[in-house]
Protein backbone atom coordinates (compact mmCIF):
# COMPACT_ATOMS: atom_id res chain seq x y z
CA MET A 1 98.81 117.25 95.03
CA SER A 2 97.88 118.24 91.49
CA LEU A 3 100.77 116.68 89.59
CA ARG A 4 100.01 113.95 87.09
CA VAL A 5 102.74 111.31 87.05
CA VAL A 6 103.89 110.06 83.64
CA LEU A 7 105.83 106.80 83.91
CA LEU A 8 107.52 105.50 80.75
CA ALA A 9 108.06 101.74 80.70
CA ALA A 10 107.71 100.61 77.07
CA GLY A 11 111.16 99.20 76.34
CA ARG A 12 112.47 95.69 76.60
CA GLY A 13 115.95 96.36 77.95
CA GLU A 14 118.05 94.59 75.31
CA ARG A 15 121.29 94.96 77.27
CA LEU A 16 119.70 93.09 80.17
CA ARG A 17 118.83 89.95 78.23
CA PRO A 18 118.27 87.14 79.12
CA LEU A 19 116.83 88.70 82.30
CA THR A 20 114.27 90.57 80.19
CA ASP A 21 113.34 87.68 77.90
CA ALA A 22 110.32 86.88 80.06
CA ARG A 23 109.59 90.18 81.82
CA PRO A 24 109.86 93.92 81.13
CA LYS A 25 112.88 95.73 82.51
CA ALA A 26 110.57 97.82 84.70
CA LEU A 27 109.53 94.65 86.56
CA LEU A 28 113.01 93.51 87.48
CA ASP A 29 113.39 92.99 91.21
CA VAL A 30 115.33 95.54 93.27
CA GLY A 31 115.29 95.29 97.05
CA GLY A 32 112.61 92.63 96.93
CA VAL A 33 110.17 94.77 94.90
CA PRO A 34 109.70 95.22 91.12
CA LEU A 35 111.12 98.57 89.95
CA LEU A 36 107.83 100.06 88.81
CA VAL A 37 105.99 98.94 91.94
CA ARG A 38 108.71 100.62 94.03
CA ALA A 39 108.26 103.87 92.09
CA VAL A 40 104.47 103.94 92.35
CA ARG A 41 104.60 103.08 96.05
CA GLU A 42 106.95 105.96 96.85
CA LEU A 43 105.01 108.47 94.77
CA ALA A 44 101.67 107.42 96.25
CA ALA A 45 103.13 107.86 99.75
CA ARG A 46 103.61 111.51 98.80
CA GLY A 47 100.04 111.99 97.64
CA LEU A 48 100.60 111.35 93.93
CA THR A 49 98.00 108.85 92.73
CA ARG A 50 97.22 109.93 89.15
CA PHE A 51 99.44 107.89 86.86
CA THR A 52 99.75 107.66 83.11
CA ILE A 53 101.73 104.49 82.38
CA VAL A 54 103.12 104.08 78.87
CA ASP A 55 103.95 100.42 78.33
CA GLY A 56 104.97 98.34 75.34
CA TYR A 57 106.98 95.13 75.63
CA LEU A 58 104.96 92.61 77.68
CA GLY A 59 102.64 95.44 78.61
CA GLU A 60 99.89 93.18 79.94
CA MET A 61 102.31 91.69 82.46
CA LEU A 62 103.32 95.14 83.58
CA ARG A 63 99.71 96.27 84.00
CA ALA A 64 98.81 93.14 85.95
CA ALA A 65 101.73 93.70 88.34
CA LEU A 66 100.61 97.24 89.12
CA LEU A 67 96.95 96.31 89.54
CA GLU A 68 97.94 93.54 91.93
CA HIS A 69 99.31 96.17 94.30
CA PHE A 70 97.35 99.38 93.67
CA PRO A 71 93.78 100.56 92.84
CA GLU A 72 92.88 100.51 89.16
CA ALA A 73 91.43 104.03 89.48
CA TRP A 74 94.95 105.39 89.90
CA PHE A 75 96.02 104.45 86.38
CA ARG A 76 95.58 105.41 82.77
CA PHE A 77 97.43 102.86 80.64
CA VAL A 78 98.69 103.70 77.16
CA ARG A 79 100.38 101.23 74.80
CA ASN A 80 103.33 102.15 72.61
CA GLU A 81 102.69 99.63 69.87
CA GLU A 82 105.93 100.66 68.16
CA TRP A 83 108.10 100.15 71.25
CA ALA A 84 110.64 98.01 69.36
CA ARG A 85 111.51 100.69 66.81
CA THR A 86 110.97 103.98 68.64
CA ASN A 87 112.72 105.88 71.39
CA ASN A 88 111.28 107.46 74.52
CA ALA A 89 110.14 110.65 72.72
CA VAL A 90 107.31 108.63 71.17
CA SER A 91 106.34 107.09 74.50
CA LEU A 92 106.17 110.53 76.09
CA GLN A 93 104.11 111.93 73.21
CA LEU A 94 101.57 109.13 73.75
CA ALA A 95 101.02 110.41 77.31
CA ARG A 96 99.54 113.68 76.03
CA THR A 97 96.15 114.72 77.38
CA GLU A 98 93.66 117.18 75.87
CA ASP A 99 94.25 119.85 78.50
CA PRO A 100 97.86 120.62 79.52
CA GLU A 101 98.59 120.08 83.19
CA PRO A 102 101.71 119.89 85.36
CA ILE A 103 103.47 116.52 85.27
CA LEU A 104 106.13 114.59 87.07
CA LEU A 105 107.95 112.57 84.42
CA LEU A 106 109.81 109.43 85.44
CA ASP A 107 111.57 106.72 83.47
CA GLY A 108 110.49 103.26 84.57
CA ASP A 109 114.01 101.84 84.83
CA ILE A 110 115.19 103.98 87.76
CA ALA A 111 115.77 102.76 91.30
CA PHE A 112 115.83 105.71 93.69
CA ALA A 113 115.85 106.50 97.38
CA PRO A 114 112.67 108.21 98.65
CA ARG A 115 114.73 111.33 99.44
CA VAL A 116 115.27 111.81 95.69
CA ILE A 117 111.55 112.36 95.12
CA ASP A 118 111.30 114.51 98.26
CA ARG A 119 114.03 116.85 97.06
CA ILE A 120 112.49 117.21 93.59
CA LEU A 121 109.00 117.81 94.97
CA GLU A 122 110.23 120.34 97.51
CA ASP A 123 112.02 122.49 94.93
CA PRO A 124 109.90 125.63 94.32
CA HIS A 125 110.62 126.16 90.62
CA PRO A 126 107.79 125.28 88.20
CA ASN A 127 110.16 123.42 85.86
CA ARG A 128 112.96 121.34 87.33
CA LEU A 129 115.19 118.47 86.37
CA GLY A 130 116.95 116.06 88.69
CA VAL A 131 120.72 116.18 88.21
CA ARG A 132 123.41 114.01 89.74
CA THR A 133 126.49 116.19 90.08
CA ARG A 134 128.93 113.54 91.30
CA GLY A 135 130.50 110.72 89.36
CA THR A 136 132.24 110.24 86.04
CA LEU A 137 130.55 111.46 82.88
CA GLY A 138 131.05 109.33 79.79
CA ALA A 139 129.52 108.90 76.35
CA GLU A 140 126.34 107.22 77.63
CA GLU A 141 125.41 109.73 80.33
CA MET A 142 122.66 112.26 79.51
CA LYS A 143 124.73 115.30 80.39
CA VAL A 144 123.37 118.67 81.53
CA ARG A 145 124.90 122.08 80.77
CA LEU A 146 123.93 125.23 82.65
CA GLY A 147 123.98 128.87 81.61
CA PRO A 148 125.57 131.71 83.60
CA ASP A 149 122.31 132.15 85.52
CA GLY A 150 122.31 128.53 86.69
CA ARG A 151 119.44 127.42 84.47
CA VAL A 152 119.55 124.42 82.16
CA VAL A 153 120.54 125.36 78.60
CA ASP A 154 121.35 121.97 77.08
CA ILE A 155 120.79 118.27 77.74
CA GLY A 156 122.30 115.46 75.70
CA LYS A 157 124.79 112.62 75.44
CA SER A 158 127.01 114.52 72.99
CA ILE A 159 127.80 117.40 75.38
CA ASP A 160 131.49 117.72 76.26
CA PRO A 161 131.80 116.33 79.83
CA SER A 162 134.05 119.25 80.76
CA LEU A 163 131.14 121.63 80.08
CA ALA A 164 128.53 119.63 81.98
CA VAL A 165 127.44 120.10 85.58
CA GLY A 166 126.34 116.49 85.84
CA GLU A 167 123.87 114.02 84.36
CA SER A 168 120.10 113.99 84.15
CA ILE A 169 118.68 111.07 86.13
CA GLY A 170 115.37 110.83 84.27
CA ILE A 171 113.05 112.55 86.76
CA GLU A 172 111.53 115.94 85.89
CA VAL A 173 108.66 118.20 86.91
CA PHE A 174 107.15 120.49 84.28
CA SER A 175 104.44 123.14 84.51
CA ALA A 176 101.27 123.13 82.40
CA ALA A 177 102.72 125.91 80.25
CA PHE A 178 105.92 123.95 79.62
CA CYS A 179 103.90 120.82 78.82
CA ALA A 180 101.72 122.66 76.30
CA ARG A 181 104.85 123.66 74.39
CA LEU A 182 106.55 120.33 74.93
CA PHE A 183 103.79 118.17 73.48
CA ASP A 184 103.44 120.47 70.48
CA VAL A 185 107.18 120.09 69.84
CA LEU A 186 106.98 116.31 70.26
CA ASP A 187 104.05 116.13 67.82
CA ARG A 188 105.97 118.08 65.20
CA ARG A 189 109.30 116.31 65.59
CA ILE A 190 107.66 112.89 65.49
CA GLY A 191 105.47 113.90 62.56
CA GLU A 192 108.51 115.10 60.63
CA GLY A 193 110.38 111.87 61.30
CA PRO A 194 113.43 112.51 63.55
CA GLY A 195 111.39 112.25 66.73
CA TRP A 196 110.78 108.54 66.17
CA SER A 197 114.35 107.72 67.13
CA GLU A 198 115.09 110.63 69.49
CA PHE A 199 115.42 110.83 73.21
CA TYR A 200 112.80 113.19 74.65
CA GLU A 201 115.56 115.52 75.84
CA ALA A 202 115.85 116.88 72.28
CA SER A 203 112.33 118.27 72.66
CA PHE A 204 113.09 119.59 76.15
CA VAL A 205 115.99 121.58 74.71
CA GLU A 206 113.85 123.04 71.93
CA VAL A 207 111.30 124.25 74.47
CA ILE A 208 114.06 125.71 76.65
CA ARG A 209 115.51 127.57 73.68
CA ALA A 210 112.05 128.95 72.93
CA GLY A 211 112.04 130.70 76.30
CA GLU A 212 110.95 128.26 79.02
CA PHE A 213 113.21 128.07 82.07
CA VAL A 214 114.26 124.76 83.64
CA HIS A 215 116.17 124.64 86.92
CA PRO A 216 118.48 121.81 88.01
CA VAL A 217 117.78 120.03 91.29
CA ASP A 218 121.11 118.87 92.66
CA LEU A 219 120.78 115.32 93.97
CA ASP A 220 124.54 114.99 94.67
CA ALA A 221 125.10 111.67 96.48
CA LEU A 222 121.48 110.54 96.97
CA PRO A 223 121.07 106.89 95.87
CA CYS A 224 119.67 106.69 92.35
CA VAL A 225 120.49 104.21 89.58
CA GLU A 226 119.31 104.08 85.97
CA ILE A 227 119.30 100.37 85.12
CA ASP A 228 120.55 99.60 81.62
CA THR A 229 123.00 96.75 82.24
CA GLU A 230 123.47 93.83 84.64
CA GLU A 231 126.17 95.87 86.36
CA ASP A 232 123.62 98.66 86.97
CA LEU A 233 121.13 96.12 88.29
CA GLU A 234 123.61 94.63 90.74
CA ARG A 235 124.59 98.10 91.93
CA ALA A 236 120.94 98.98 92.53
CA ARG A 237 120.38 95.72 94.40
CA SER A 238 123.38 96.41 96.62
CA LEU A 239 122.11 99.91 97.41
CA PHE A 240 118.57 98.85 98.15
CA VAL A 241 119.21 95.38 99.54
CA ALA A 242 117.36 96.07 102.82
CA ASP A 243 114.40 97.80 101.18
CA ARG A 244 111.29 95.63 101.42
């Protein structure tokens, strides 16, 4: 499969301290396996073995954990030296390559059932975004709004929940053409200043408004948890307790 996987795992996970005082959030144990190891294992089982890993906090520990389980040739490691004062837009921008190519983008703090990746990979649209359409939408959820044609028109925390179809789970597939525009937008927004503290979704929306189409992939009740708090971590561990 020709997709390059971009895995973002630079942050510390402040809301998970003290659990993250001695290890990155992406190495917290879920179902007996560190989060990032789980993700790479499931993607590799589907033929995806070209990874760009953007690390930051305790990055050497994270790299060592991956290389303990998988071949070094699978990975290109990039360090976000400014991880403590930047948001994920900067980490994504650091994953840029000279020639645009299709990517699967994944946040490193997500625990997901294998069926989640299967459904996203099976969707035929060149640009697609995983959306959970069940559950309560609050201030912290990255909400998704669709246009009349069913395509994504806006993504953000500030969207009125009554206008949103659901929340983005942090897994996307983008075509080479979308990526060419996306990385140009990231370069400009970061260069101008606002991008340093932005979520990458702000750049997604700019590319969408410039004419690129993104389709939602409805993941409805498939198990998937973004881990930001100890409550999230315990929920993920209860969902994936038998996964070894």
